[in-house]
Amino acid sequence: MGTLLIDSEQAVISPKQLRVLYELGQEESQKQIARTLAIEPSTVKSHVDNIYLKLGCHNAAGAVFLACERGLIKWLPCVLC
């Protein structure tokens, strides 16, 4: 599995949303993300919905791909970045 590097200087999404995006990139479910980050599942859902809205996508794979493509994160190895 690769390593996700976050470039917060270029972020158009909040640091908390980047953290949720990182967990999505690790193929974690929203329930698992809530447990990992010690937040409510509804908070994770809100972050995910905002990530999708801000990146213009509809799923976790699309969010990770678009964030990588836009330079918000680097997924190593990432043949698309």
PDB file of N, CA and C in Angstrom:
ATOM      1  N   MET A   1       0.853  -1.175   0.000  1.00  0.00           N
ATOM      2  CA  MET A   1       0.000   0.000   0.000  1.00  0.00           C
ATOM      3  C   MET A   1       0.899   1.237   0.000  1.00  0.00           C
ATOM      4  N   GLY A   2       0.460   2.285  -0.654  1.00  0.00           N
ATOM      5  CA  GLY A   2       1.243   3.498  -0.770  1.00  0.00           C
ATOM      6  C   GLY A   2       1.157   4.378   0.461  1.00  0.00           C
ATOM      7  N   THR A   3       1.836   5.490   0.383  1.00  0.00           N
ATOM      8  CA  THR A   3       1.839   6.475   1.451  1.00  0.00           C
ATOM      9  C   THR A   3       1.181   7.737   0.934  1.00  0.00           C
ATOM     10  N   LEU A   4       0.325   8.314   1.718  1.00  0.00           N
ATOM     11  CA  LEU A   4      -0.369   9.531   1.333  1.00  0.00           C
ATOM     12  C   LEU A   4       0.321  10.716   1.983  1.00  0.00           C
ATOM     13  N   LEU A   5       0.805  11.643   1.171  1.00  0.00           N
ATOM     14  CA  LEU A   5       1.440  12.856   1.668  1.00  0.00           C
ATOM     15  C   LEU A   5       0.497  14.015   1.422  1.00  0.00           C
ATOM     16  N   ILE A   6       0.303  14.832   2.428  1.00  0.00           N
ATOM     17  CA  ILE A   6      -0.638  15.947   2.333  1.00  0.00           C
ATOM     18  C   ILE A   6       0.120  17.258   2.208  1.00  0.00           C
ATOM     19  N   ASP A   7      -0.214  18.032   1.188  1.00  0.00           N
ATOM     20  CA  ASP A   7       0.375  19.353   0.994  1.00  0.00           C
ATOM     21  C   ASP A   7      -0.654  20.384   1.439  1.00  0.00           C
ATOM     22  N   SER A   8      -0.592  20.769   2.709  1.00  0.00           N
ATOM     23  CA  SER A   8      -1.619  21.655   3.264  1.00  0.00           C
ATOM     24  C   SER A   8      -1.536  23.071   2.710  1.00  0.00           C
ATOM     25  N   GLU A   9      -0.398  23.475   2.160  1.00  0.00           N
ATOM     26  CA  GLU A   9      -0.281  24.830   1.614  1.00  0.00           C
ATOM     27  C   GLU A   9      -1.182  25.028   0.406  1.00  0.00           C
ATOM     28  N   GLN A  10      -1.443  23.959  -0.350  1.00  0.00           N
ATOM     29  CA  GLN A  10      -2.253  24.074  -1.549  1.00  0.00           C
ATOM     30  C   GLN A  10      -3.706  23.674  -1.296  1.00  0.00           C
ATOM     31  N   ALA A  11      -4.036  23.369  -0.080  1.00  0.00           N
ATOM     32  CA  ALA A  11      -5.356  22.824   0.222  1.00  0.00           C
ATOM     33  C   ALA A  11      -6.476  23.826   0.004  1.00  0.00           C
ATOM     34  N   VAL A  12      -7.501  23.388  -0.649  1.00  0.00           N
ATOM     35  CA  VAL A  12      -8.737  24.158  -0.748  1.00  0.00           C
ATOM     36  C   VAL A  12      -9.760  23.562   0.210  1.00  0.00           C
ATOM     37  N   ILE A  13      -9.373  22.493   0.858  1.00  0.00           N
ATOM     38  CA  ILE A  13     -10.218  21.870   1.856  1.00  0.00           C
ATOM     39  C   ILE A  13      -9.502  21.970   3.200  1.00  0.00           C
ATOM     40  N   SER A  14     -10.271  21.907   4.260  1.00  0.00           N
ATOM     41  CA  SER A  14      -9.722  22.137   5.599  1.00  0.00           C
ATOM     42  C   SER A  14      -8.768  21.012   6.017  1.00  0.00           C
ATOM     43  N   PRO A  15      -7.912  21.290   7.000  1.00  0.00           N
ATOM     44  CA  PRO A  15      -7.026  20.241   7.513  1.00  0.00           C
ATOM     45  C   PRO A  15      -7.786  19.015   8.018  1.00  0.00           C
ATOM     46  N   LYS A  16      -8.936  19.226   8.656  1.00  0.00           N
ATOM     47  CA  LYS A  16      -9.737  18.083   9.121  1.00  0.00           C
ATOM     48  C   LYS A  16     -10.266  17.280   7.940  1.00  0.00           C
ATOM     49  N   GLN A  17     -10.684  17.980   6.894  1.00  0.00           N
ATOM     50  CA  GLN A  17     -11.157  17.290   5.702  1.00  0.00           C
ATOM     51  C   GLN A  17     -10.012  16.539   5.024  1.00  0.00           C
ATOM     52  N   LEU A  18      -8.816  17.110   5.038  1.00  0.00           N
ATOM     53  CA  LEU A  18      -7.653  16.414   4.478  1.00  0.00           C
ATOM     54  C   LEU A  18      -7.368  15.132   5.251  1.00  0.00           C
ATOM     55  N   ARG A  19      -7.546  15.190   6.560  1.00  0.00           N
ATOM     56  CA  ARG A  19      -7.326  13.992   7.381  1.00  0.00           C
ATOM     57  C   ARG A  19      -8.339  12.902   7.026  1.00  0.00           C
ATOM     58  N   VAL A  20      -9.602  13.304   6.834  1.00  0.00           N
ATOM     59  CA  VAL A  20     -10.628  12.348   6.418  1.00  0.00           C
ATOM     60  C   VAL A  20     -10.294  11.814   5.023  1.00  0.00           C
ATOM     61  N   LEU A  21      -9.845  12.687   4.139  1.00  0.00           N
ATOM     62  CA  LEU A  21      -9.451  12.273   2.795  1.00  0.00           C
ATOM     63  C   LEU A  21      -8.311  11.263   2.857  1.00  0.00           C
ATOM     64  N   TYR A  22      -7.353  11.484   3.746  1.00  0.00           N
ATOM     65  CA  TYR A  22      -6.261  10.535   3.949  1.00  0.00           C
ATOM     66  C   TYR A  22      -6.828   9.158   4.300  1.00  0.00           C
ATOM     67  N   GLU A  23      -7.764   9.136   5.234  1.00  0.00           N
ATOM     68  CA  GLU A  23      -8.349   7.859   5.659  1.00  0.00           C
ATOM     69  C   GLU A  23      -9.145   7.227   4.517  1.00  0.00           C
ATOM     70  N   LEU A  24      -9.835   8.037   3.724  1.00  0.00           N
ATOM     71  CA  LEU A  24     -10.520   7.495   2.546  1.00  0.00           C
ATOM     72  C   LEU A  24      -9.523   6.853   1.600  1.00  0.00           C
ATOM     73  N   GLY A  25      -8.371   7.489   1.458  1.00  0.00           N
ATOM     74  CA  GLY A  25      -7.310   6.945   0.608  1.00  0.00           C
ATOM     75  C   GLY A  25      -6.753   5.634   1.125  1.00  0.00           C
ATOM     76  N   GLN A  26      -6.920   5.397   2.401  1.00  0.00           N
ATOM     77  CA  GLN A  26      -6.495   4.137   3.008  1.00  0.00           C
ATOM     78  C   GLN A  26      -7.604   3.081   2.901  1.00  0.00           C
ATOM     79  N   GLU A  27      -8.666   3.421   2.171  1.00  0.00           N
ATOM     80  CA  GLU A  27      -9.814   2.542   1.949  1.00  0.00           C
ATOM     81  C   GLU A  27     -10.562   2.217   3.237  1.00  0.00           C
ATOM     82  N   GLU A  28     -10.600   3.195   4.133  1.00  0.00           N
ATOM     83  CA  GLU A  28     -11.347   3.043   5.383  1.00  0.00           C
ATOM     84  C   GLU A  28     -12.815   3.413   5.148  1.00  0.00           C
ATOM     85  N   SER A  29     -13.710   2.716   5.823  1.00  0.00           N
ATOM     86  CA  SER A  29     -15.129   3.065   5.768  1.00  0.00           C
ATOM     87  C   SER A  29     -15.353   4.303   6.628  1.00  0.00           C
ATOM     88  N   GLN A  30     -16.489   4.931   6.440  1.00  0.00           N
ATOM     89  CA  GLN A  30     -16.794   6.116   7.246  1.00  0.00           C
ATOM     90  C   GLN A  30     -16.878   5.762   8.725  1.00  0.00           C
ATOM     91  N   LYS A  31     -17.404   4.589   9.055  1.00  0.00           N
ATOM     92  CA  LYS A  31     -17.458   4.163  10.458  1.00  0.00           C
ATOM     93  C   LYS A  31     -16.051   3.955  11.016  1.00  0.00           C
ATOM     94  N   GLN A  32     -15.170   3.358  10.218  1.00  0.00           N
ATOM     95  CA  GLN A  32     -13.790   3.160  10.658  1.00  0.00           C
ATOM     96  C   GLN A  32     -13.076   4.496  10.837  1.00  0.00           C
ATOM     97  N   ILE A  33     -13.331   5.429   9.930  1.00  0.00           N
ATOM     98  CA  ILE A  33     -12.723   6.759  10.025  1.00  0.00           C
ATOM     99  C   ILE A  33     -13.182   7.447  11.313  1.00  0.00           C
ATOM    100  N   ALA A  34     -14.454   7.342  11.628  1.00  0.00           N
ATOM    101  CA  ALA A  34     -14.978   7.955  12.857  1.00  0.00           C
ATOM    102  C   ALA A  34     -14.253   7.383  14.079  1.00  0.00           C
ATOM    103  N   ARG A  35     -14.066   6.066  14.102  1.00  0.00           N
ATOM    104  CA  ARG A  35     -13.363   5.451  15.233  1.00  0.00           C
ATOM    105  C   ARG A  35     -11.902   5.901  15.288  1.00  0.00           C
ATOM    106  N   THR A  36     -11.236   5.904  14.151  1.00  0.00           N
ATOM    107  CA  THR A  36      -9.825   6.296  14.087  1.00  0.00           C
ATOM    108  C   THR A  36      -9.607   7.726  14.561  1.00  0.00           C
ATOM    109  N   LEU A  37     -10.492   8.625  14.133  1.00  0.00           N
ATOM    110  CA  LEU A  37     -10.337  10.044  14.450  1.00  0.00           C
ATOM    111  C   LEU A  37     -11.075  10.458  15.715  1.00  0.00           C
ATOM    112  N   ALA A  38     -11.763   9.504  16.336  1.00  0.00           N
ATOM    113  CA  ALA A  38     -12.519   9.759  17.572  1.00  0.00           C
ATOM    114  C   ALA A  38     -13.527  10.890  17.383  1.00  0.00           C
ATOM    115  N   ILE A  39     -14.291  10.793  16.282  1.00  0.00           N
ATOM    116  CA  ILE A  39     -15.347  11.754  16.005  1.00  0.00           C
ATOM    117  C   ILE A  39     -16.620  10.979  15.671  1.00  0.00           C
ATOM    118  N   GLU A  40     -17.728  11.668  15.639  1.00  0.00           N
ATOM    119  CA  GLU A  40     -19.005  11.046  15.344  1.00  0.00           C
ATOM    120  C   GLU A  40     -19.089  10.661  13.860  1.00  0.00           C
ATOM    121  N   PRO A  41     -19.734   9.541  13.553  1.00  0.00           N
ATOM    122  CA  PRO A  41     -19.926   9.172  12.147  1.00  0.00           C
ATOM    123  C   PRO A  41     -20.613  10.270  11.332  1.00  0.00           C
ATOM    124  N   SER A  42     -21.527  11.007  11.952  1.00  0.00           N
ATOM    125  CA  SER A  42     -22.201  12.095  11.238  1.00  0.00           C
ATOM    126  C   SER A  42     -21.223  13.209  10.864  1.00  0.00           C
ATOM    127  N   THR A  43     -20.203  13.419  11.692  1.00  0.00           N
ATOM    128  CA  THR A  43     -19.171  14.415  11.381  1.00  0.00           C
ATOM    129  C   THR A  43     -18.343  13.944  10.192  1.00  0.00           C
ATOM    130  N   VAL A  44     -18.005  12.669  10.172  1.00  0.00           N
ATOM    131  CA  VAL A  44     -17.266  12.109   9.031  1.00  0.00           C
ATOM    132  C   VAL A  44     -18.091  12.280   7.766  1.00  0.00           C
ATOM    133  N   LYS A  45     -19.373  11.935   7.837  1.00  0.00           N
ATOM    134  CA  LYS A  45     -20.241  12.073   6.665  1.00  0.00           C
ATOM    135  C   LYS A  45     -20.274  13.515   6.184  1.00  0.00           C
ATOM    136  N   SER A  46     -20.356  14.458   7.100  1.00  0.00           N
ATOM    137  CA  SER A  46     -20.356  15.873   6.735  1.00  0.00           C
ATOM    138  C   SER A  46     -19.057  16.259   6.034  1.00  0.00           C
ATOM    139  N   HIS A  47     -17.925  15.811   6.593  1.00  0.00           N
ATOM    140  CA  HIS A  47     -16.627  16.088   5.960  1.00  0.00           C
ATOM    141  C   HIS A  47     -16.556  15.469   4.568  1.00  0.00           C
ATOM    142  N   VAL A  48     -16.991  14.222   4.447  1.00  0.00           N
ATOM    143  CA  VAL A  48     -16.949  13.534   3.153  1.00  0.00           C
ATOM    144  C   VAL A  48     -17.831  14.256   2.144  1.00  0.00           C
ATOM    145  N   ASP A  49     -19.024  14.622   2.543  1.00  0.00           N
ATOM    146  CA  ASP A  49     -19.925  15.354   1.639  1.00  0.00           C
ATOM    147  C   ASP A  49     -19.283  16.661   1.178  1.00  0.00           C
ATOM    148  N   ASN A  50     -18.637  17.384   2.099  1.00  0.00           N
ATOM    149  CA  ASN A  50     -17.975  18.646   1.741  1.00  0.00           C
ATOM    150  C   ASN A  50     -16.772  18.418   0.835  1.00  0.00           C
ATOM    151  N   ILE A  51     -16.022  17.352   1.084  1.00  0.00           N
ATOM    152  CA  ILE A  51     -14.887  17.002   0.218  1.00  0.00           C
ATOM    153  C   ILE A  51     -15.391  16.748  -1.204  1.00  0.00           C
ATOM    154  N   TYR A  52     -16.429  15.933  -1.323  1.00  0.00           N
ATOM    155  CA  TYR A  52     -16.980  15.621  -2.643  1.00  0.00           C
ATOM    156  C   TYR A  52     -17.475  16.882  -3.342  1.00  0.00           C
ATOM    157  N   LEU A  53     -18.137  17.746  -2.601  1.00  0.00           N
ATOM    158  CA  LEU A  53     -18.650  18.986  -3.164  1.00  0.00           C
ATOM    159  C   LEU A  53     -17.509  19.880  -3.648  1.00  0.00           C
ATOM    160  N   LYS A  54     -16.509  20.055  -2.798  1.00  0.00           N
ATOM    161  CA  LYS A  54     -15.395  20.945  -3.136  1.00  0.00           C
ATOM    162  C   LYS A  54     -14.550  20.412  -4.280  1.00  0.00           C
ATOM    163  N   LEU A  55     -14.416  19.077  -4.377  1.00  0.00           N
ATOM    164  CA  LEU A  55     -13.603  18.489  -5.441  1.00  0.00           C
ATOM    165  C   LEU A  55     -14.425  18.163  -6.685  1.00  0.00           C
ATOM    166  N   GLY A  56     -15.743  18.205  -6.547  1.00  0.00           N
ATOM    167  CA  GLY A  56     -16.611  17.920  -7.687  1.00  0.00           C
ATOM    168  C   GLY A  56     -16.638  16.454  -8.061  1.00  0.00           C
ATOM    169  N   CYS A  57     -16.733  15.584  -7.069  1.00  0.00           N
ATOM    170  CA  CYS A  57     -16.767  14.148  -7.325  1.00  0.00           C
ATOM    171  C   CYS A  57     -17.884  13.510  -6.514  1.00  0.00           C
ATOM    172  N   HIS A  58     -18.030  12.192  -6.700  1.00  0.00           N
ATOM    173  CA  HIS A  58     -19.150  11.499  -6.074  1.00  0.00           C
ATOM    174  C   HIS A  58     -18.753  10.273  -5.276  1.00  0.00           C
ATOM    175  N   ASN A  59     -17.451   9.998  -5.175  1.00  0.00           N
ATOM    176  CA  ASN A  59     -17.024   8.822  -4.410  1.00  0.00           C
ATOM    177  C   ASN A  59     -15.590   9.000  -3.918  1.00  0.00           C
ATOM    178  N   ALA A  60     -15.179   8.097  -3.039  1.00  0.00           N
ATOM    179  CA  ALA A  60     -13.863   8.204  -2.410  1.00  0.00           C
ATOM    180  C   ALA A  60     -12.736   8.087  -3.431  1.00  0.00           C
ATOM    181  N   ALA A  61     -12.863   7.154  -4.358  1.00  0.00           N
ATOM    182  CA  ALA A  61     -11.809   6.985  -5.367  1.00  0.00           C
ATOM    183  C   ALA A  61     -11.646   8.260  -6.187  1.00  0.00           C
ATOM    184  N   GLY A  62     -12.770   8.863  -6.560  1.00  0.00           N
ATOM    185  CA  GLY A  62     -12.721  10.116  -7.311  1.00  0.00           C
ATOM    186  C   GLY A  62     -12.104  11.238  -6.503  1.00  0.00           C
ATOM    187  N   ALA A  63     -12.422  11.286  -5.213  1.00  0.00           N
ATOM    188  CA  ALA A  63     -11.864  12.332  -4.351  1.00  0.00           C
ATOM    189  C   ALA A  63     -10.352  12.199  -4.237  1.00  0.00           C
ATOM    190  N   VAL A  64      -9.873  10.982  -4.008  1.00  0.00           N
ATOM    191  CA  VAL A  64      -8.426  10.765  -3.892  1.00  0.00           C
ATOM    192  C   VAL A  64      -7.746  11.079  -5.221  1.00  0.00           C
ATOM    193  N   PHE A  65      -8.327  10.626  -6.327  1.00  0.00           N
ATOM    194  CA  PHE A  65      -7.758  10.891  -7.643  1.00  0.00           C
ATOM    195  C   PHE A  65      -7.680  12.390  -7.925  1.00  0.00           C
ATOM    196  N   LEU A  66      -8.788  13.100  -7.718  1.00  0.00           N
ATOM    197  CA  LEU A  66      -8.805  14.538  -8.008  1.00  0.00           C
ATOM    198  C   LEU A  66      -7.879  15.321  -7.090  1.00  0.00           C
ATOM    199  N   ALA A  67      -7.830  14.952  -5.816  1.00  0.00           N
ATOM    200  CA  ALA A  67      -6.919  15.631  -4.889  1.00  0.00           C
ATOM    201  C   ALA A  67      -5.478  15.412  -5.315  1.00  0.00           C
ATOM    202  N   CYS A  68      -5.165  14.212  -5.756  1.00  0.00           N
ATOM    203  CA  CYS A  68      -3.822  13.915  -6.255  1.00  0.00           C
ATOM    204  C   CYS A  68      -3.531  14.715  -7.523  1.00  0.00           C
ATOM    205  N   GLU A  69      -4.465  14.691  -8.443  1.00  0.00           N
ATOM    206  CA  GLU A  69      -4.317  15.405  -9.711  1.00  0.00           C
ATOM    207  C   GLU A  69      -4.119  16.907  -9.515  1.00  0.00           C
ATOM    208  N   ARG A  70      -4.799  17.465  -8.503  1.00  0.00           N
ATOM    209  CA  ARG A  70      -4.717  18.906  -8.236  1.00  0.00           C
ATOM    210  C   ARG A  70      -3.554  19.285  -7.325  1.00  0.00           C
ATOM    211  N   GLY A  71      -2.781  18.295  -6.913  1.00  0.00           N
ATOM    212  CA  GLY A  71      -1.611  18.574  -6.096  1.00  0.00           C
ATOM    213  C   GLY A  71      -1.906  18.787  -4.623  1.00  0.00           C
ATOM    214  N   LEU A  72      -3.120  18.447  -4.178  1.00  0.00           N
ATOM    215  CA  LEU A  72      -3.446  18.590  -2.759  1.00  0.00           C
ATOM    216  C   LEU A  72      -2.796  17.487  -1.947  1.00  0.00           C
ATOM    217  N   ILE A  73      -2.671  16.327  -2.532  1.00  0.00           N
ATOM    218  CA  ILE A  73      -2.046  15.181  -1.880  1.00  0.00           C
ATOM    219  C   ILE A  73      -1.188  14.469  -2.909  1.00  0.00           C
ATOM    220  N   LYS A  74      -0.278  13.679  -2.429  1.00  0.00           N
ATOM    221  CA  LYS A  74       0.516  12.814  -3.298  1.00  0.00           C
ATOM    222  C   LYS A  74       0.371  11.395  -2.792  1.00  0.00           C
ATOM    223  N   TRP A  75      -0.060  10.527  -3.648  1.00  0.00           N
ATOM    224  CA  TRP A  75      -0.252   9.137  -3.298  1.00  0.00           C
ATOM    225  C   TRP A  75       0.897   8.354  -3.888  1.00  0.00           C
ATOM    226  N   LEU A  76       1.720   7.754  -3.055  1.00  0.00           N
ATOM    227  CA  LEU A  76       2.902   7.037  -3.520  1.00  0.00           C
ATOM    228  C   LEU A  76       2.724   5.545  -3.298  1.00  0.00           C
ATOM    229  N   PRO A  77       2.863   4.682  -4.262  1.00  0.00           N
ATOM    230  CA  PRO A  77       3.057   5.058  -5.660  1.00  0.00           C
ATOM    231  C   PRO A  77       1.736   5.461  -6.297  1.00  0.00           C
ATOM    232  N   CYS A  78       1.781   6.443  -7.140  1.00  0.00           N
ATOM    233  CA  CYS A  78       0.588   6.915  -7.826  1.00  0.00           C
ATOM    234  C   CYS A  78       0.933   7.103  -9.290  1.00  0.00           C
ATOM    235  N   VAL A  79       0.453   6.222 -10.119  1.00  0.00           N
ATOM    236  CA  VAL A  79       0.748   6.326 -11.540  1.00  0.00           C
ATOM    237  C   VAL A  79      -0.010   7.474 -12.179  1.00  0.00           C
ATOM    238  N   LEU A  80      -0.975   8.035 -11.470  1.00  0.00           N
ATOM    239  CA  LEU A  80      -1.795   9.107 -12.030  1.00  0.00           C
ATOM    240  C   LEU A  80      -1.289  10.491 -11.638  1.00  0.00           C
ATOM    241  N   CYS A  81      -0.426  10.597 -10.630  1.00  0.00           N
ATOM    242  CA  CYS A  81       0.036  11.897 -10.138  1.00  0.00           C
ATOM    243  C   CYS A  81       1.229  12.383 -10.934  1.00  0.00           C
TER     244      CYS A  81
END
